[in-house]
Amino acid sequence: MIYKIYPLFVFLLLSFGKDSKTTDLKKNATEKTIAKVENVTVDSKIESVYSALNSNNYKMPELKTFSEALKGFYLLKDRGVIKKNILTLIDFSLSSNTKRLWVIDLTTNTILYNSLVAHGRNTGEEFASAFSNLNSSFKSSLGFYATGEIYQGKHGASLRLDGLEDGVNDNARERGVVMHGADYVSESFIRDHKRLGRSQGCPALPVELTDEIIQLIKDKSCLYIYHPSRSFAMEERLIS
């Protein structure tokens, strides 16, 4: 009797395994489709926000740069890491002689500031090209930050920054990477030296704009420093 039952058992076992494998494949395909739809939805939303952005007579950031920044903003806001609807975007693919920092109010969808901003002295001359998360490197760090508190330092009012990406910028507070004003961040410095001045790794601002900007963006707003050498992978590196 066993010899009659055994083939049936094997058939049922193989059939179950096949059905299970087919179910897994369908599940994976469905998950991939959902992910694609979600990406398309997010991309469409970002393009819509960008096209409706009130430039306030400032130069607009590039769509690709803005898109990466806004994707990170949405993720961080959803996780409660940042609290304000303010996005500060720095594009280090651009010449330091250009205004490559934007402060954007995402509630009113308006660019509030477009300013010069310095990179670290060992990050490059006119253009930023080398980045680090190490102490005493005098290099800028890329990626997403949450703004912290204001304190009085050697450059006057300065804004602490907390790097949110493990291995990319998470040493920012320990390194003393902050946002502060500096007299080497000015059009006159560019005229005299053919490039903007450089910091020890801090995103330094023009002195006359520093107080206004750091008061606006302090206390858990989103800062993103972009460069094309780094692919968008914040979700994998985000410090929980």
Protein backbone atom coordinates (compact mmCIF):
# COMPACT_ATOMS: atom_id res chain seq x y z
CA MET A 1 0.00 0.00 0.00
CA ILE A 2 2.90 2.32 0.79
CA TYR A 3 4.24 2.11 -2.79
CA LYS A 4 0.87 3.52 -3.99
CA ILE A 5 0.80 6.41 -1.49
CA TYR A 6 4.45 7.47 -1.86
CA PRO A 7 4.22 8.77 -5.48
CA LEU A 8 1.12 10.76 -4.52
CA PHE A 9 2.96 12.26 -1.53
CA VAL A 10 5.91 13.26 -3.73
CA PHE A 11 3.58 14.82 -6.30
CA LEU A 12 1.77 16.85 -3.66
CA LEU A 13 5.06 17.97 -2.12
CA LEU A 14 6.46 19.11 -5.46
CA SER A 15 3.20 20.84 -6.32
CA PHE A 16 3.21 22.69 -3.00
CA GLY A 17 6.82 23.78 -3.50
CA LYS A 18 6.03 24.99 -7.00
CA ASP A 19 2.97 26.91 -5.82
CA SER A 20 4.97 28.46 -2.97
CA LYS A 21 7.74 29.51 -5.34
CA THR A 22 5.21 30.97 -7.76
CA THR A 23 3.54 32.87 -4.91
CA ASP A 24 6.91 34.30 -3.79
CA LEU A 25 7.71 35.40 -7.35
CA LYS A 26 4.33 37.07 -7.68
CA LYS A 27 4.78 38.74 -4.29
CA ASN A 28 8.24 40.06 -5.26
CA ALA A 29 6.91 41.30 -8.59
CA THR A 30 4.03 43.06 -6.82
CA GLU A 31 6.37 44.69 -4.31
CA LYS A 32 8.63 45.92 -7.12
CA THR A 33 5.63 47.31 -8.99
CA ILE A 34 4.39 49.11 -5.87
CA ALA A 35 7.89 50.56 -5.30
CA LYS A 36 8.00 51.81 -8.90
CA VAL A 37 4.56 53.39 -8.56
CA GLU A 38 5.59 55.04 -5.27
CA ASN A 39 8.76 56.40 -6.88
CA VAL A 40 6.80 57.74 -9.82
CA THR A 41 4.31 59.34 -7.42
CA VAL A 42 7.08 60.97 -5.36
CA ASP A 43 8.93 62.15 -8.49
CA SER A 44 5.71 63.62 -9.86
CA LYS A 45 5.04 65.40 -6.58
CA ILE A 46 8.56 66.81 -6.50
CA GLU A 47 8.34 68.03 -10.09
CA SER A 48 5.04 69.68 -9.24
CA VAL A 49 6.56 71.42 -6.20
CA TYR A 50 9.57 72.53 -8.28
CA SER A 51 7.47 73.91 -11.13
CA ALA A 52 5.37 75.88 -8.64
CA LEU A 53 8.36 77.15 -6.67
CA ASN A 54 8.33 80.91 -6.18
CA SER A 55 11.87 81.97 -7.07
CA ASN A 56 11.41 85.37 -5.40
CA ASN A 57 13.67 86.71 -8.18
CA TYR A 58 16.50 84.39 -7.11
CA LYS A 59 18.25 81.84 -9.31
CA MET A 60 16.57 78.44 -9.09
CA PRO A 61 18.46 75.31 -7.96
CA GLU A 62 18.74 72.48 -10.48
CA LEU A 63 15.79 70.08 -10.52
CA LYS A 64 18.02 67.03 -9.86
CA THR A 65 19.59 68.67 -6.81
CA PHE A 66 16.26 69.92 -5.51
CA SER A 67 14.71 66.48 -6.08
CA GLU A 68 17.33 64.69 -3.96
CA ALA A 69 16.99 67.27 -1.21
CA LEU A 70 13.19 67.05 -1.15
CA LYS A 71 13.18 63.24 -1.10
CA GLY A 72 15.36 63.33 1.97
CA PHE A 73 13.25 66.07 3.52
CA TYR A 74 10.08 63.97 3.14
CA LEU A 75 11.77 60.92 4.67
CA LEU A 76 13.21 62.85 7.61
CA LYS A 77 9.95 64.70 8.25
CA ASP A 78 8.04 61.42 8.17
CA ARG A 79 10.40 59.93 10.75
CA GLY A 80 10.16 62.98 12.99
CA VAL A 81 13.89 63.76 12.70
CA ILE A 82 13.18 67.28 11.49
CA LYS A 83 10.32 69.50 12.61
CA LYS A 84 10.27 72.59 10.39
CA ASN A 85 9.06 72.99 6.80
CA ILE A 86 12.31 74.74 5.93
CA LEU A 87 14.82 73.18 3.52
CA THR A 88 18.37 74.51 3.12
CA LEU A 89 20.09 73.22 0.00
CA ILE A 90 23.78 73.63 -0.82
CA ASP A 91 25.01 72.56 -4.26
CA PHE A 92 28.75 71.90 -4.13
CA SER A 93 28.83 70.95 -7.80
CA LEU A 94 28.79 74.69 -8.54
CA SER A 95 31.62 77.19 -8.48
CA SER A 96 32.22 78.82 -5.10
CA ASN A 97 32.01 82.14 -6.97
CA THR A 98 28.27 81.58 -7.46
CA LYS A 99 25.38 81.70 -5.02
CA ARG A 100 24.96 77.98 -4.35
CA LEU A 101 22.94 77.96 -1.11
CA TRP A 102 19.15 78.17 -1.06
CA VAL A 103 16.80 78.47 1.92
CA ILE A 104 13.32 77.37 0.90
CA ASP A 105 10.07 77.69 2.83
CA LEU A 106 8.12 74.56 1.85
CA THR A 107 4.93 75.82 3.48
CA THR A 108 4.69 78.77 1.09
CA ASN A 109 6.89 77.10 -1.57
CA THR A 110 9.12 80.17 -1.71
CA ILE A 111 12.87 80.68 -1.95
CA LEU A 112 13.75 82.98 0.95
CA TYR A 113 17.52 83.26 0.45
CA ASN A 114 20.07 82.48 -2.26
CA SER A 115 23.59 83.04 -0.96
CA LEU A 116 27.27 82.44 -1.31
CA VAL A 117 28.59 79.63 0.91
CA ALA A 118 32.13 78.40 1.57
CA HIS A 119 33.50 74.87 1.51
CA GLY A 120 36.49 73.46 3.43
CA ARG A 121 40.02 74.49 2.54
CA ASN A 122 41.04 70.90 1.74
CA THR A 123 37.88 70.26 -0.22
CA GLY A 124 39.07 72.24 -3.23
CA GLU A 125 39.93 75.64 -4.62
CA GLU A 126 37.12 77.25 -6.62
CA PHE A 127 35.30 73.94 -6.94
CA ALA A 128 34.61 71.39 -4.21
CA SER A 129 35.96 67.93 -5.05
CA ALA A 130 37.14 66.10 -1.90
CA PHE A 131 35.06 65.40 1.20
CA SER A 132 35.61 63.82 4.60
CA ASN A 133 33.95 62.91 7.87
CA LEU A 134 37.25 62.91 9.80
CA ASN A 135 38.43 65.29 12.51
CA SER A 136 41.05 67.85 11.44
CA SER A 137 40.56 67.01 7.75
CA PHE A 138 39.48 70.61 7.03
CA LYS A 139 37.12 69.12 4.45
CA SER A 140 33.39 69.55 3.99
CA SER A 141 31.00 66.65 4.57
CA LEU A 142 28.12 65.93 2.22
CA GLY A 143 24.62 64.67 2.94
CA PHE A 144 21.69 65.43 5.20
CA TYR A 145 21.83 67.33 8.48
CA ALA A 146 19.39 68.46 11.14
CA THR A 147 20.06 71.97 12.36
CA GLY A 148 20.68 72.40 16.08
CA GLU A 149 21.05 75.27 18.49
CA ILE A 150 22.71 78.66 18.13
CA TYR A 151 25.73 79.51 20.28
CA GLN A 152 28.28 82.31 20.43
CA GLY A 153 31.66 81.21 19.06
CA LYS A 154 34.82 82.79 17.67
CA HIS A 155 32.85 83.77 14.54
CA GLY A 156 29.96 85.20 16.55
CA ALA A 157 26.52 83.60 16.37
CA SER A 158 26.93 80.07 14.98
CA LEU A 159 24.54 77.20 14.32
CA ARG A 160 25.38 73.63 15.33
CA LEU A 161 24.70 70.87 12.82
CA ASP A 162 23.97 67.19 13.42
CA GLY A 163 24.96 64.89 10.57
CA LEU A 164 22.30 62.27 9.89
CA GLU A 165 24.25 59.83 7.74
CA ASP A 166 26.43 57.17 9.29
CA GLY A 167 29.98 57.33 7.98
CA VAL A 168 29.23 60.36 5.80
CA ASN A 169 28.69 63.29 8.17
CA ASP A 170 27.83 61.86 11.60
CA ASN A 171 31.00 63.38 13.11
CA ALA A 172 29.85 66.93 12.30
CA ARG A 173 29.10 67.99 15.88
CA GLU A 174 32.29 66.40 17.23
CA ARG A 175 34.30 68.09 14.47
CA GLY A 176 32.73 71.46 15.22
CA VAL A 177 31.24 71.73 11.73
CA VAL A 178 28.77 74.59 12.13
CA MET A 179 27.16 77.33 10.09
CA HIS A 180 28.75 80.72 10.82
CA GLY A 181 29.56 84.02 9.17
CA ALA A 182 32.97 84.86 7.71
CA ASP A 183 34.37 87.93 5.99
CA TYR A 184 35.99 85.71 3.34
CA VAL A 185 32.50 84.83 2.08
CA SER A 186 31.89 87.94 0.00
CA GLU A 187 31.91 89.34 -3.52
CA SER A 188 34.89 91.52 -2.62
CA PHE A 189 36.94 88.45 -1.62
CA ILE A 190 36.08 86.85 -4.96
CA ARG A 191 37.22 89.95 -6.82
CA ASP A 192 40.54 90.04 -4.96
CA HIS A 193 41.32 86.29 -5.02
CA LYS A 194 39.39 84.98 -8.05
CA ARG A 195 37.53 82.57 -5.77
CA LEU A 196 35.60 82.53 -2.52
CA GLY A 197 37.44 82.03 0.75
CA ARG A 198 37.40 78.63 2.43
CA SER A 199 36.61 77.35 5.91
CA GLN A 200 37.88 74.47 8.06
CA GLY A 201 34.95 72.40 6.84
CA CYS A 202 32.04 74.61 7.85
CA PRO A 203 29.40 75.92 5.43
CA ALA A 204 30.30 79.55 6.14
CA LEU A 205 27.98 82.39 5.10
CA PRO A 206 28.30 86.12 4.34
CA VAL A 207 28.45 87.99 7.64
CA GLU A 208 25.51 90.23 6.77
CA LEU A 209 23.17 87.26 6.20
CA THR A 210 24.29 84.93 8.97
CA ASP A 211 22.00 86.05 11.80
CA GLU A 212 18.91 86.11 9.58
CA ILE A 213 19.53 82.69 8.09
CA ILE A 214 20.54 80.78 11.21
CA GLN A 215 17.66 82.23 13.22
CA LEU A 216 15.29 81.02 10.52
CA ILE A 217 16.68 77.50 10.07
CA LYS A 218 17.70 76.63 13.66
CA ASP A 219 16.11 73.86 15.76
CA LYS A 220 15.46 70.81 13.57
CA SER A 221 15.19 72.02 10.01
CA CYS A 222 16.71 70.08 7.11
CA LEU A 223 20.05 70.93 5.51
CA TYR A 224 21.29 69.01 2.46
CA ILE A 225 24.75 69.38 0.93
CA TYR A 226 24.83 67.97 -2.60
CA HIS A 227 27.64 66.85 -4.87
CA PRO A 228 27.36 64.50 -7.89
CA SER A 229 30.16 62.26 -6.57
CA ARG A 230 27.67 60.94 -4.03
CA SER A 231 24.65 58.93 -5.10
CA PHE A 232 21.37 59.34 -3.23
CA ALA A 233 21.45 56.55 -0.63
CA MET A 234 20.41 58.33 2.53
CA GLU A 235 17.80 55.76 3.50
CA GLU A 236 20.49 53.10 3.86
CA ARG A 237 22.83 55.36 5.85
CA LEU A 238 20.31 57.25 7.94
CA ILE A 239 21.10 57.18 11.64
CA SER A 240 17.99 55.95 13.42
